[in-house]
Every structure is written in C-alpha cells, then in structure tokens.
C-alpha cells in the first residue's frame, strides 16, 4: 500500500534520470523535489522536511555515500541509495554510511516503488508526527500538504492553474523552473502557451507579492525561467 503524499527528495546529477524518476514517483502519488548535486540538496534540506531521500551514489563533487554520512550527523530521514555499482563492498559502504537501503542500476521502477514503500512503512509514527510542510512568503504562507495559500488568518483562493503552479514551484524552492517545463507540467505542450504561462505567473504574483511589479518571492530568473524564493 502506497504511503500517501510522502515528500521525496531525488538527488541525481543525470538530468534525464532525475526527470524520469520525478515523473514516475509523482504518478504513484508522491510529492517529489529534485536536486542535481549535494549543494542543491543541502539548500532544499535546509528549508523543507522530507519523508525520504533517494540519492545516486556516483555524482561529481560529493558522492552519495559522502552525503549520506553528512546527512546522518543531523537528520534521521531515510535514505535509499542508487548506483551502477552492484558489488558487495559498495553496498557495505552505503549501509555503513547510514543508508536504509541500496538499489543497483539498472532497476525495475516497480522494485524502486516497493522499496520506498517498505521503508516508509517502517516509520509510520515518525511521519505522522512530522510538522506541516509550510513555506513562508512574507505575510503569506503556503501549506504544501493541503495545497492552501493563506494571508494571515484568511485563505487566498487559487484557480486550478495557480494551485498547480504553486505545487510545481514549492517542490523546488530556490531553484529556477523554465517556462517550457511549466508549460509541460501543466499539461500544455503547445509552445504557443508560453505567453499564457507568463499571464498566470503575473496573476499568481498579485496574490503573493506586496508589490507584484517588483516581485520578492516569485522571481524571474533571466534566461532560466521563474523561481519561488521563500523566506
């Protein structure tokens, strides 16, 4: 039985694999954020609570085993390591670093799903007691679990498209999301929808920003797209 709405962090330097894992896990009911390396993973972990980390071992810079050792010093979040290495010694190193499980590439997506759910079933109490996942945007706060936007004590009504945009941005705060990806994730693959995405962003800014003309929280990143930058 799938654990509902668990928030996973996928860390992998391969953009194609990151995208495939994110889409597969979202289709299976998870909220998924992604990071391309250790530095980006640290930024996300510094601002959000995750139910589990799915991390590649073979990455440039800090590899997955090094990051596992680092994360274990300050958090108990379950970690599932992915790697092309299938040797016994590599698995031992992963477990010694503090990993909860280890899956060698290539793997069947169904097996990854089963392993994730098996780990999450072992920590139901920890997940039940976890604090709400809330992003603060000045006077506005966004409840990631409920998909609700609040200004002080008052709820802010979101259209279906605005709610979808908030889910996309909140899954990777502090990281730019390209206009093309927004259009694709919203299910609008027609390139002519680029302008429509800009219009939706402007409408969402009016609900988030104190001054929509000088956005502080939903920023434009030149040449890269848009980025949600919470407090």
Protein backbone atom coordinates (compact mmCIF):
# COMPACT_ATOMS: atom_id res chain seq x y z
CA UNK A 1 0.00 0.00 0.00
CA UNK A 2 1.48 3.33 -1.06
CA UNK A 3 2.23 5.88 1.64
CA UNK A 4 0.04 8.88 0.64
CA UNK A 5 1.66 12.21 -0.18
CA UNK A 6 5.08 11.41 1.21
CA UNK A 7 7.57 14.07 0.12
CA UNK A 8 10.66 12.59 -1.54
CA UNK A 9 13.94 14.27 -2.47
CA UNK A 10 15.61 12.75 -5.54
CA UNK A 11 19.31 13.61 -5.87
CA UNK A 12 20.99 12.66 -9.17
CA UNK A 13 23.39 14.52 -11.46
CA UNK A 14 21.81 12.99 -14.59
CA UNK A 15 19.03 15.35 -15.71
CA UNK A 16 17.25 12.65 -17.73
CA UNK A 17 17.16 10.20 -14.82
CA UNK A 18 16.03 12.94 -12.42
CA UNK A 19 13.15 13.78 -14.71
CA UNK A 20 12.12 10.17 -15.26
CA UNK A 21 12.19 9.36 -11.53
CA UNK A 22 10.27 12.51 -10.68
CA UNK A 23 7.50 11.79 -13.20
CA UNK A 24 7.27 8.12 -12.20
CA UNK A 25 7.07 8.84 -8.47
CA UNK A 26 4.57 11.68 -8.93
CA UNK A 27 2.36 9.34 -10.95
CA UNK A 28 2.46 6.99 -7.99
CA UNK A 29 1.21 9.57 -5.55
CA UNK A 30 4.35 11.16 -4.11
CA UNK A 31 5.33 14.79 -3.83
CA UNK A 32 8.81 14.95 -5.38
CA UNK A 33 11.57 17.56 -5.26
CA UNK A 34 14.80 17.10 -7.20
CA UNK A 35 18.42 18.18 -6.76
CA UNK A 36 21.28 17.88 -9.25
CA UNK A 37 24.08 17.70 -6.66
CA UNK A 38 24.98 17.86 -2.99
CA UNK A 39 24.92 21.66 -2.83
CA UNK A 40 21.39 21.86 -4.18
CA UNK A 41 20.27 19.02 -1.90
CA UNK A 42 21.63 20.88 1.14
CA UNK A 43 19.68 24.00 0.21
CA UNK A 44 16.44 22.06 -0.11
CA UNK A 45 17.01 20.14 3.11
CA UNK A 46 17.72 23.41 4.89
CA UNK A 47 14.24 24.72 4.13
CA UNK A 48 11.97 21.69 3.82
CA UNK A 49 11.12 18.50 5.67
CA UNK A 50 11.34 15.33 3.58
CA UNK A 51 10.00 11.86 4.29
CA UNK A 52 12.78 10.17 2.33
CA UNK A 53 15.87 10.84 0.17
CA UNK A 54 16.52 8.80 -2.99
CA UNK A 55 20.11 9.52 -3.98
CA UNK A 56 22.57 8.43 -6.64
CA UNK A 57 25.99 7.36 -5.36
CA UNK A 58 28.16 8.20 -8.37
CA UNK A 59 27.99 12.01 -8.61
CA UNK A 60 30.70 14.62 -9.25
CA UNK A 61 31.84 16.50 -6.18
CA UNK A 62 30.36 14.99 -3.03
CA UNK A 63 29.18 11.47 -3.90
CA UNK A 64 26.11 9.84 -2.40
CA UNK A 65 28.00 7.96 0.32
CA UNK A 66 29.78 11.12 1.46
CA UNK A 67 26.47 12.99 1.54
CA UNK A 68 24.81 10.15 3.45
CA UNK A 69 27.48 10.35 6.15
CA UNK A 70 27.00 14.13 6.33
CA UNK A 71 23.19 13.98 6.49
CA UNK A 72 23.23 11.26 9.13
CA UNK A 73 25.02 13.61 11.54
CA UNK A 74 21.99 15.89 11.71
CA UNK A 75 18.89 14.02 10.48
CA UNK A 76 17.16 10.64 10.57
CA UNK A 77 15.40 10.97 7.21
CA UNK A 78 15.51 7.56 5.44
CA UNK A 79 17.99 7.35 2.57
CA UNK A 80 17.80 4.96 -0.38
CA UNK A 81 20.99 4.88 -2.47
CA UNK A 82 21.04 4.24 -6.22
CA UNK A 83 24.17 3.28 -8.11
CA UNK A 84 25.52 1.41 -11.08
CA UNK A 85 27.76 -0.44 -8.65
CA UNK A 86 26.34 -3.76 -7.56
CA UNK A 87 29.34 -5.15 -5.72
CA UNK A 88 29.03 -6.27 -2.11
CA UNK A 89 31.68 -3.81 -0.93
CA UNK A 90 29.76 -0.85 -2.35
CA UNK A 91 26.59 -1.95 -0.59
CA UNK A 92 28.51 -2.32 2.68
CA UNK A 93 29.91 1.21 2.33
CA UNK A 94 26.43 2.57 1.75
CA UNK A 95 24.97 0.85 4.81
CA UNK A 96 27.94 1.83 6.96
CA UNK A 97 27.40 5.46 5.94
CA UNK A 98 23.84 5.23 7.25
CA UNK A 99 21.73 4.32 4.21
CA UNK A 100 18.47 2.48 4.83
CA UNK A 101 18.50 0.58 1.56
CA UNK A 102 20.53 0.19 -1.63
CA UNK A 103 19.36 -0.45 -5.19
CA UNK A 104 21.76 -1.16 -8.07
CA UNK A 105 21.16 0.23 -11.56
CA UNK A 106 19.61 -0.74 -13.83
CA UNK A 107 16.49 -1.49 -11.81
CA UNK A 108 12.81 -2.01 -12.44
CA UNK A 109 10.79 1.07 -11.44
CA UNK A 110 8.33 -1.22 -9.67
CA UNK A 111 11.13 -2.51 -7.43
CA UNK A 112 12.11 1.05 -6.52
CA UNK A 113 8.50 1.77 -5.61
CA UNK A 114 8.28 -1.35 -3.45
CA UNK A 115 11.50 -0.50 -1.62
CA UNK A 116 10.38 3.09 -0.98
CA UNK A 117 7.05 1.95 0.42
CA UNK A 118 8.71 -0.74 2.53
CA UNK A 119 10.97 1.87 4.14
CA UNK A 120 8.12 4.31 4.72
CA UNK A 121 6.00 1.58 6.35
CA UNK A 122 8.75 1.08 8.92
CA UNK A 123 8.48 4.67 10.14
CA UNK A 124 4.73 5.45 10.29
CA UNK A 125 4.88 7.12 13.69
CA UNK A 126 7.72 9.44 12.68
CA UNK A 127 5.80 10.52 9.58
CA UNK A 128 2.55 11.00 11.49
CA UNK A 129 4.26 13.29 13.98
CA UNK A 130 6.13 15.34 11.37
CA UNK A 131 5.33 19.07 11.36
CA UNK A 132 3.28 20.53 8.49
CA UNK A 133 5.29 21.50 5.45
CA UNK A 134 4.79 25.25 5.18
CA UNK A 135 6.62 27.82 3.06
CA UNK A 136 6.63 31.41 4.33
CA UNK A 137 6.41 34.23 1.80
CA UNK A 138 6.31 37.38 3.89
CA UNK A 139 2.74 37.82 5.11
CA UNK A 140 1.68 34.82 3.02
CA UNK A 141 2.20 31.16 3.86
CA UNK A 142 1.72 28.10 1.66
CA UNK A 143 0.69 24.77 3.20
CA UNK A 144 2.32 22.17 0.94
CA UNK A 145 0.34 19.24 2.35
CA UNK A 146 -3.03 20.88 1.78
CA UNK A 147 -2.10 22.98 -1.24
CA UNK A 148 -3.54 26.04 0.52
CA UNK A 149 -2.37 29.66 0.43
CA UNK A 150 -3.06 31.93 3.41
CA UNK A 151 -2.56 35.62 4.08
CA UNK A 152 -2.66 35.98 7.84
CA UNK A 153 -5.86 34.26 9.04
CA UNK A 154 -7.54 34.49 5.64
CA UNK A 155 -7.40 31.84 2.89
CA UNK A 156 -6.35 33.04 -0.57
CA UNK A 157 -8.42 31.49 -3.33
CA UNK A 158 -6.35 29.86 -6.08
CA UNK A 159 -7.56 28.84 -9.51
CA UNK A 160 -6.76 25.29 -10.62
CA UNK A 161 -3.83 26.56 -12.72
CA UNK A 162 -2.49 28.75 -9.89
CA UNK A 163 -2.71 25.80 -7.49
CA UNK A 164 -0.79 23.63 -9.98
CA UNK A 165 1.89 26.32 -10.33
CA UNK A 166 2.30 26.53 -6.55
CA UNK A 167 2.75 22.75 -6.35
CA UNK A 168 5.43 22.89 -9.05
CA UNK A 169 7.33 25.82 -7.50
CA UNK A 170 7.04 24.62 -3.89
CA UNK A 171 8.57 21.27 -4.80
CA UNK A 172 11.85 23.01 -5.67
CA UNK A 173 12.07 26.36 -3.83
CA UNK A 174 15.12 28.43 -4.63
CA UNK A 175 15.59 26.71 -7.98
CA UNK A 176 14.53 28.18 -11.35
CA UNK A 177 11.82 26.39 -13.34
CA UNK A 178 11.89 27.03 -17.07
CA UNK A 179 8.84 28.30 -18.89
CA UNK A 180 8.98 25.19 -21.08
CA UNK A 181 8.85 22.91 -18.05
CA UNK A 182 5.94 24.85 -16.58
CA UNK A 183 4.01 24.51 -19.82
CA UNK A 184 4.80 20.77 -19.97
CA UNK A 185 3.97 20.08 -16.30
CA UNK A 186 0.68 21.93 -16.67
CA UNK A 187 -0.18 19.54 -19.49
CA UNK A 188 0.05 22.19 -22.18
CA UNK A 189 2.69 21.03 -24.62
CA UNK A 190 1.84 23.64 -27.25
CA UNK A 191 4.71 26.12 -27.38
CA UNK A 192 2.14 28.86 -28.00
CA UNK A 193 1.15 28.50 -24.35
CA UNK A 194 4.41 30.18 -23.23
CA UNK A 195 2.73 33.59 -23.13
CA UNK A 196 -0.24 32.14 -21.25
CA UNK A 197 2.17 30.86 -18.59
CA UNK A 198 3.51 34.40 -18.15
CA UNK A 199 -0.03 35.66 -17.63
CA UNK A 200 -0.71 33.01 -14.97
CA UNK A 201 2.55 33.91 -13.20
CA UNK A 202 1.51 37.57 -13.09
CA UNK A 203 -1.87 36.64 -11.63
CA UNK A 204 -0.24 34.46 -9.00
CA UNK A 205 2.15 37.27 -8.08
CA UNK A 206 -0.81 39.53 -7.31
CA UNK A 207 -1.84 37.01 -4.65
CA UNK A 208 1.64 36.51 -3.17
CA UNK A 209 3.57 39.74 -3.51
CA UNK A 210 3.18 43.05 -1.68
CA UNK A 211 4.32 44.72 -4.92
CA UNK A 212 3.72 42.43 -7.93
CA UNK A 213 5.71 44.79 -10.17
CA UNK A 214 8.80 44.20 -8.03
CA UNK A 215 8.40 40.54 -7.02
CA UNK A 216 10.33 39.36 -3.98
CA UNK A 217 9.09 35.79 -3.71
CA UNK A 218 8.10 34.68 -7.23
CA UNK A 219 11.13 35.90 -9.12
CA UNK A 220 12.06 35.98 -12.80
CA UNK A 221 15.49 34.46 -13.40
CA UNK A 222 16.87 35.82 -16.64
CA UNK A 223 17.46 33.08 -19.20
CA UNK A 224 16.21 30.33 -16.85
CA UNK A 225 12.56 30.93 -16.03
CA UNK A 226 10.84 31.56 -12.70
CA UNK A 227 11.78 30.75 -9.12
CA UNK A 228 9.91 30.66 -5.82
CA UNK A 229 12.17 32.12 -3.11
CA UNK A 230 10.59 31.71 0.34
CA UNK A 231 11.86 33.37 3.50
